[in-house]
Amino acid sequence: LNGPHKAYNWLWLAAWHSPRCSMIKFNLACFAAVLGRKFAAKRWLLSCFIESVGTEDEGFFERLACRDDDLKSLWPALPRLKEIARCLHANKLASKVNYETVTFAEEFPQTVVRY
């Protein structure tokens, strides 16, 4: 189980340094789901979906999420997350919310693994 924790930590740091990389966010969602952190997984997926709306990647991450077994526990929530992403993008709220710097206070202490 230490492997997913380490991967999540490294990806979290990568997301901090590359806040617009949707693939990092998608992988963070996968590892969060594997670790049982549904809230974090939904948050990373939502951020990924929002950034892809109106780009050439629109729909790509949604299709990928529907096929990824790591996200199986979130499959029922995917239609709602897609809808929220489109609404936020349409209302231009997405640009006002800095998803990259949102920290889950209840999650972060559990996420950090001491080596």
N, C-alpha and C. Protein backbone atom coordinates (compact mmCIF):
# COMPACT_ATOMS: atom_id res chain seq x y z
N LEU A 1 0.82 -1.21 0.00
CA LEU A 1 0.00 0.00 0.00
C LEU A 1 0.86 1.26 0.00
N ASN A 2 2.12 1.14 0.37
CA ASN A 2 2.99 2.31 0.40
C ASN A 2 3.23 2.86 -1.00
N GLY A 3 3.20 2.01 -2.02
CA GLY A 3 3.41 2.45 -3.40
C GLY A 3 2.41 3.51 -3.85
N PRO A 4 1.11 3.27 -3.68
CA PRO A 4 0.14 4.30 -4.07
C PRO A 4 0.29 5.61 -3.30
N HIS A 5 0.64 5.50 -2.01
CA HIS A 5 0.85 6.72 -1.22
C HIS A 5 2.02 7.54 -1.78
N LYS A 6 3.11 6.86 -2.07
CA LYS A 6 4.27 7.56 -2.63
C LYS A 6 3.94 8.18 -3.98
N ALA A 7 3.25 7.41 -4.82
CA ALA A 7 2.88 7.92 -6.14
C ALA A 7 1.98 9.15 -6.02
N TYR A 8 1.03 9.09 -5.09
CA TYR A 8 0.13 10.22 -4.89
C TYR A 8 0.92 11.45 -4.45
N ASN A 9 1.86 11.26 -3.53
CA ASN A 9 2.67 12.39 -3.05
C ASN A 9 3.48 13.02 -4.18
N TRP A 10 4.12 12.17 -4.99
CA TRP A 10 4.92 12.69 -6.10
C TRP A 10 4.06 13.40 -7.12
N LEU A 11 2.90 12.85 -7.42
CA LEU A 11 2.00 13.49 -8.37
C LEU A 11 1.46 14.81 -7.82
N TRP A 12 1.19 14.83 -6.52
CA TRP A 12 0.71 16.08 -5.90
C TRP A 12 1.75 17.18 -6.07
N LEU A 13 3.02 16.83 -5.85
CA LEU A 13 4.09 17.82 -6.06
C LEU A 13 4.18 18.23 -7.53
N ALA A 14 4.02 17.26 -8.42
CA ALA A 14 4.06 17.57 -9.86
C ALA A 14 2.91 18.51 -10.23
N ALA A 15 1.73 18.29 -9.65
CA ALA A 15 0.58 19.15 -9.93
C ALA A 15 0.82 20.56 -9.40
N TRP A 16 1.52 20.65 -8.30
CA TRP A 16 1.85 21.97 -7.75
C TRP A 16 2.76 22.74 -8.70
N HIS A 17 3.69 22.03 -9.30
CA HIS A 17 4.65 22.67 -10.21
C HIS A 17 4.12 22.83 -11.64
N SER A 18 3.16 22.00 -12.03
CA SER A 18 2.56 22.07 -13.37
C SER A 18 1.04 22.10 -13.22
N PRO A 19 0.50 23.20 -12.73
CA PRO A 19 -0.92 23.25 -12.38
C PRO A 19 -1.90 23.10 -13.54
N ARG A 20 -1.44 23.24 -14.77
CA ARG A 20 -2.35 23.13 -15.91
C ARG A 20 -2.29 21.76 -16.60
N CYS A 21 -1.53 20.85 -16.05
CA CYS A 21 -1.39 19.53 -16.67
C CYS A 21 -2.55 18.62 -16.25
N SER A 22 -3.50 18.43 -17.14
CA SER A 22 -4.68 17.64 -16.83
C SER A 22 -4.36 16.17 -16.63
N MET A 23 -3.34 15.66 -17.29
CA MET A 23 -3.00 14.24 -17.13
C MET A 23 -2.50 13.96 -15.72
N ILE A 24 -1.76 14.89 -15.14
CA ILE A 24 -1.33 14.72 -13.75
C ILE A 24 -2.55 14.69 -12.84
N LYS A 25 -3.48 15.58 -13.08
CA LYS A 25 -4.70 15.63 -12.26
C LYS A 25 -5.51 14.35 -12.40
N PHE A 26 -5.57 13.84 -13.63
CA PHE A 26 -6.31 12.60 -13.85
C PHE A 26 -5.66 11.46 -13.06
N ASN A 27 -4.34 11.37 -13.11
CA ASN A 27 -3.64 10.32 -12.37
C ASN A 27 -3.77 10.50 -10.87
N LEU A 28 -3.80 11.74 -10.40
CA LEU A 28 -4.06 11.98 -8.98
C LEU A 28 -5.44 11.47 -8.59
N ALA A 29 -6.42 11.67 -9.46
CA ALA A 29 -7.77 11.16 -9.20
C ALA A 29 -7.75 9.64 -9.09
N CYS A 30 -7.01 9.00 -9.98
CA CYS A 30 -6.93 7.54 -9.94
C CYS A 30 -6.31 7.05 -8.64
N PHE A 31 -5.18 7.64 -8.24
CA PHE A 31 -4.53 7.20 -7.00
C PHE A 31 -5.37 7.55 -5.78
N ALA A 32 -6.03 8.69 -5.79
CA ALA A 32 -6.91 9.04 -4.67
C ALA A 32 -8.03 8.02 -4.54
N ALA A 33 -8.60 7.60 -5.65
CA ALA A 33 -9.67 6.59 -5.63
C ALA A 33 -9.15 5.26 -5.10
N VAL A 34 -7.96 4.86 -5.55
CA VAL A 34 -7.36 3.61 -5.08
C VAL A 34 -7.12 3.66 -3.57
N LEU A 35 -6.76 4.83 -3.07
CA LEU A 35 -6.50 5.00 -1.64
C LEU A 35 -7.78 5.21 -0.83
N GLY A 36 -8.93 5.22 -1.51
CA GLY A 36 -10.20 5.37 -0.82
C GLY A 36 -10.58 6.80 -0.51
N ARG A 37 -9.94 7.75 -1.14
CA ARG A 37 -10.22 9.17 -0.92
C ARG A 37 -11.13 9.69 -2.03
N LYS A 38 -12.40 9.35 -1.91
CA LYS A 38 -13.36 9.70 -2.96
C LYS A 38 -13.49 11.21 -3.17
N PHE A 39 -13.51 11.95 -2.08
CA PHE A 39 -13.66 13.40 -2.21
C PHE A 39 -12.51 13.98 -3.02
N ALA A 40 -11.28 13.59 -2.69
CA ALA A 40 -10.11 14.07 -3.42
C ALA A 40 -10.16 13.61 -4.87
N ALA A 41 -10.56 12.39 -5.10
CA ALA A 41 -10.63 11.87 -6.47
C ALA A 41 -11.63 12.68 -7.30
N LYS A 42 -12.78 12.98 -6.71
CA LYS A 42 -13.78 13.78 -7.42
C LYS A 42 -13.25 15.19 -7.70
N ARG A 43 -12.55 15.76 -6.74
CA ARG A 43 -12.01 17.10 -6.90
C ARG A 43 -10.98 17.15 -8.03
N TRP A 44 -10.08 16.16 -8.08
CA TRP A 44 -9.08 16.14 -9.15
C TRP A 44 -9.73 15.90 -10.51
N LEU A 45 -10.73 15.02 -10.55
CA LEU A 45 -11.43 14.79 -11.82
C LEU A 45 -12.16 16.04 -12.27
N LEU A 46 -12.83 16.70 -11.35
CA LEU A 46 -13.55 17.92 -11.70
C LEU A 46 -12.60 18.98 -12.25
N SER A 47 -11.47 19.16 -11.62
CA SER A 47 -10.49 20.12 -12.10
C SER A 47 -10.01 19.74 -13.50
N CYS A 48 -9.77 18.48 -13.72
CA CYS A 48 -9.34 17.97 -15.02
C CYS A 48 -10.42 18.22 -16.07
N PHE A 49 -11.67 17.91 -15.73
CA PHE A 49 -12.78 18.11 -16.67
C PHE A 49 -12.96 19.59 -17.01
N ILE A 50 -12.87 20.45 -16.01
CA ILE A 50 -13.07 21.90 -16.23
C ILE A 50 -12.03 22.42 -17.21
N GLU A 51 -10.79 22.04 -17.00
CA GLU A 51 -9.73 22.55 -17.87
C GLU A 51 -9.84 22.05 -19.30
N SER A 52 -10.50 20.93 -19.51
CA SER A 52 -10.59 20.40 -20.87
C SER A 52 -11.81 20.93 -21.64
N VAL A 53 -12.76 21.56 -20.95
CA VAL A 53 -13.93 22.10 -21.63
C VAL A 53 -13.49 23.21 -22.58
N GLY A 54 -13.94 23.11 -23.81
CA GLY A 54 -13.62 24.13 -24.80
C GLY A 54 -12.25 23.98 -25.44
N THR A 55 -11.56 22.86 -25.16
CA THR A 55 -10.26 22.61 -25.77
C THR A 55 -10.35 21.37 -26.65
N GLU A 56 -9.25 21.06 -27.30
CA GLU A 56 -9.23 19.86 -28.13
C GLU A 56 -9.31 18.58 -27.28
N ASP A 57 -9.05 18.70 -25.98
CA ASP A 57 -9.14 17.55 -25.07
C ASP A 57 -10.54 17.35 -24.49
N GLU A 58 -11.47 18.19 -24.85
CA GLU A 58 -12.81 18.08 -24.28
C GLU A 58 -13.39 16.70 -24.55
N GLY A 59 -13.83 16.06 -23.49
CA GLY A 59 -14.41 14.73 -23.59
C GLY A 59 -13.40 13.60 -23.44
N PHE A 60 -12.12 13.89 -23.67
CA PHE A 60 -11.09 12.84 -23.59
C PHE A 60 -11.00 12.25 -22.20
N PHE A 61 -10.89 13.10 -21.19
CA PHE A 61 -10.72 12.60 -19.83
C PHE A 61 -12.01 11.96 -19.29
N GLU A 62 -13.14 12.43 -19.75
CA GLU A 62 -14.41 11.80 -19.37
C GLU A 62 -14.46 10.37 -19.90
N ARG A 63 -14.08 10.20 -21.17
CA ARG A 63 -14.07 8.85 -21.76
C ARG A 63 -13.04 7.96 -21.07
N LEU A 64 -11.90 8.53 -20.76
CA LEU A 64 -10.85 7.78 -20.08
C LEU A 64 -11.32 7.34 -18.69
N ALA A 65 -11.99 8.24 -17.98
CA ALA A 65 -12.48 7.93 -16.63
C ALA A 65 -13.51 6.80 -16.66
N CYS A 66 -14.31 6.75 -17.70
CA CYS A 66 -15.34 5.71 -17.82
C CYS A 66 -14.74 4.33 -18.05
N ARG A 67 -13.48 4.28 -18.46
CA ARG A 67 -12.83 3.00 -18.76
C ARG A 67 -11.79 2.59 -17.72
N ASP A 68 -11.44 3.50 -16.84
CA ASP A 68 -10.36 3.23 -15.90
C ASP A 68 -10.91 2.51 -14.66
N ASP A 69 -10.42 1.29 -14.44
CA ASP A 69 -10.91 0.50 -13.30
C ASP A 69 -10.56 1.12 -11.95
N ASP A 70 -9.51 1.92 -11.90
CA ASP A 70 -9.17 2.59 -10.64
C ASP A 70 -10.28 3.55 -10.21
N LEU A 71 -11.01 4.06 -11.18
CA LEU A 71 -12.08 5.03 -10.89
C LEU A 71 -13.47 4.38 -10.84
N LYS A 72 -13.50 3.08 -10.82
CA LYS A 72 -14.78 2.35 -10.86
C LYS A 72 -15.75 2.81 -9.76
N SER A 73 -15.22 3.11 -8.58
CA SER A 73 -16.08 3.55 -7.47
C SER A 73 -16.72 4.92 -7.75
N LEU A 74 -16.16 5.67 -8.71
CA LEU A 74 -16.68 7.00 -9.04
C LEU A 74 -17.55 7.00 -10.29
N TRP A 75 -17.65 5.89 -10.96
CA TRP A 75 -18.42 5.86 -12.21
C TRP A 75 -19.84 6.42 -12.05
N PRO A 76 -20.56 6.11 -10.96
CA PRO A 76 -21.91 6.70 -10.83
C PRO A 76 -21.90 8.23 -10.74
N ALA A 77 -20.80 8.82 -10.28
CA ALA A 77 -20.73 10.28 -10.10
C ALA A 77 -20.25 11.00 -11.37
N LEU A 78 -19.74 10.28 -12.35
CA LEU A 78 -19.16 10.93 -13.53
C LEU A 78 -20.12 11.83 -14.29
N PRO A 79 -21.36 11.41 -14.55
CA PRO A 79 -22.26 12.33 -15.27
C PRO A 79 -22.46 13.66 -14.54
N ARG A 80 -22.58 13.61 -13.23
CA ARG A 80 -22.76 14.83 -12.45
C ARG A 80 -21.50 15.70 -12.49
N LEU A 81 -20.32 15.07 -12.39
CA LEU A 81 -19.07 15.83 -12.46
C LEU A 81 -18.93 16.51 -13.82
N LYS A 82 -19.30 15.82 -14.88
CA LYS A 82 -19.25 16.42 -16.23
C LYS A 82 -20.17 17.63 -16.31
N GLU A 83 -21.36 17.48 -15.75
CA GLU A 83 -22.34 18.58 -15.76
C GLU A 83 -21.82 19.78 -14.97
N ILE A 84 -21.26 19.52 -13.81
CA ILE A 84 -20.72 20.61 -12.98
C ILE A 84 -19.58 21.32 -13.71
N ALA A 85 -18.71 20.54 -14.34
CA ALA A 85 -17.58 21.13 -15.08
C ALA A 85 -18.07 22.05 -16.18
N ARG A 86 -19.06 21.62 -16.93
CA ARG A 86 -19.59 22.44 -18.02
C ARG A 86 -20.27 23.70 -17.49
N CYS A 87 -21.00 23.57 -16.39
CA CYS A 87 -21.66 24.74 -15.80
C CYS A 87 -20.65 25.75 -15.28
N LEU A 88 -19.62 25.27 -14.59
CA LEU A 88 -18.60 26.17 -14.08
C LEU A 88 -17.87 26.86 -15.21
N HIS A 89 -17.56 26.13 -16.25
CA HIS A 89 -16.87 26.72 -17.39
C HIS A 89 -17.76 27.74 -18.08
N ALA A 90 -19.02 27.39 -18.27
CA ALA A 90 -19.97 28.29 -18.95
C ALA A 90 -20.17 29.58 -18.17
N ASN A 91 -20.15 29.50 -16.86
CA ASN A 91 -20.35 30.68 -16.02
C ASN A 91 -19.06 31.40 -15.69
N LYS A 92 -17.98 30.91 -16.27
CA LYS A 92 -16.65 31.49 -16.08
C LYS A 92 -16.22 31.52 -14.61
N LEU A 93 -16.81 30.63 -13.83
CA LEU A 93 -16.40 30.52 -12.44
C LEU A 93 -15.10 29.74 -12.32
N ALA A 94 -14.85 28.89 -13.29
CA ALA A 94 -13.67 28.04 -13.22
C ALA A 94 -12.40 28.85 -13.15
N SER A 95 -12.34 29.97 -13.85
CA SER A 95 -11.13 30.78 -13.84
C SER A 95 -10.95 31.52 -12.52
N LYS A 96 -12.03 31.68 -11.76
CA LYS A 96 -11.94 32.40 -10.49
C LYS A 96 -11.56 31.48 -9.34
N VAL A 97 -11.67 30.20 -9.53
CA VAL A 97 -11.36 29.24 -8.47
C VAL A 97 -10.01 28.63 -8.77
N ASN A 98 -9.10 28.75 -7.85
CA ASN A 98 -7.76 28.21 -8.04
C ASN A 98 -7.73 26.78 -7.51
N TYR A 99 -8.09 25.83 -8.34
CA TYR A 99 -8.15 24.43 -7.93
C TYR A 99 -6.79 23.87 -7.56
N GLU A 100 -5.74 24.44 -8.15
CA GLU A 100 -4.42 23.89 -7.93
C GLU A 100 -3.94 24.08 -6.49
N THR A 101 -4.38 25.15 -5.85
CA THR A 101 -3.88 25.43 -4.50
C THR A 101 -4.86 25.02 -3.41
N VAL A 102 -5.98 24.41 -3.79
CA VAL A 102 -6.92 23.94 -2.78
C VAL A 102 -6.31 22.74 -2.08
N THR A 103 -6.21 22.81 -0.78
CA THR A 103 -5.67 21.70 0.00
C THR A 103 -6.79 21.14 0.86
N PHE A 104 -6.87 19.83 0.90
CA PHE A 104 -7.87 19.19 1.74
C PHE A 104 -7.29 19.05 3.13
N ALA A 105 -7.72 19.92 4.02
CA ALA A 105 -7.16 19.95 5.37
C ALA A 105 -7.32 18.59 6.06
N GLU A 106 -8.44 17.94 5.83
CA GLU A 106 -8.67 16.65 6.49
C GLU A 106 -7.89 15.54 5.82
N GLU A 107 -7.41 15.77 4.60
CA GLU A 107 -6.72 14.71 3.88
C GLU A 107 -5.21 14.84 3.91
N PHE A 108 -4.70 16.05 3.84
CA PHE A 108 -3.26 16.24 3.64
C PHE A 108 -2.41 15.53 4.68
N PRO A 109 -2.71 15.58 5.98
CA PRO A 109 -1.86 14.89 6.94
C PRO A 109 -1.80 13.38 6.68
N GLN A 110 -2.87 12.79 6.20
CA GLN A 110 -2.88 11.37 5.90
C GLN A 110 -2.11 11.06 4.63
N THR A 111 -2.04 12.03 3.74
CA THR A 111 -1.43 11.83 2.44
C THR A 111 0.09 11.83 2.50
N VAL A 112 0.63 12.67 3.36
CA VAL A 112 2.08 12.80 3.43
C VAL A 112 2.67 11.57 4.10
N VAL A 113 3.55 10.91 3.37
CA VAL A 113 4.22 9.72 3.88
C VAL A 113 5.64 10.12 4.25
N ARG A 114 6.04 9.82 5.45
CA ARG A 114 7.41 10.11 5.89
C ARG A 114 8.30 8.97 5.44
N TYR A 115 9.38 9.29 4.80
CA TYR A 115 10.32 8.28 4.29
C TYR A 115 11.45 8.07 5.26
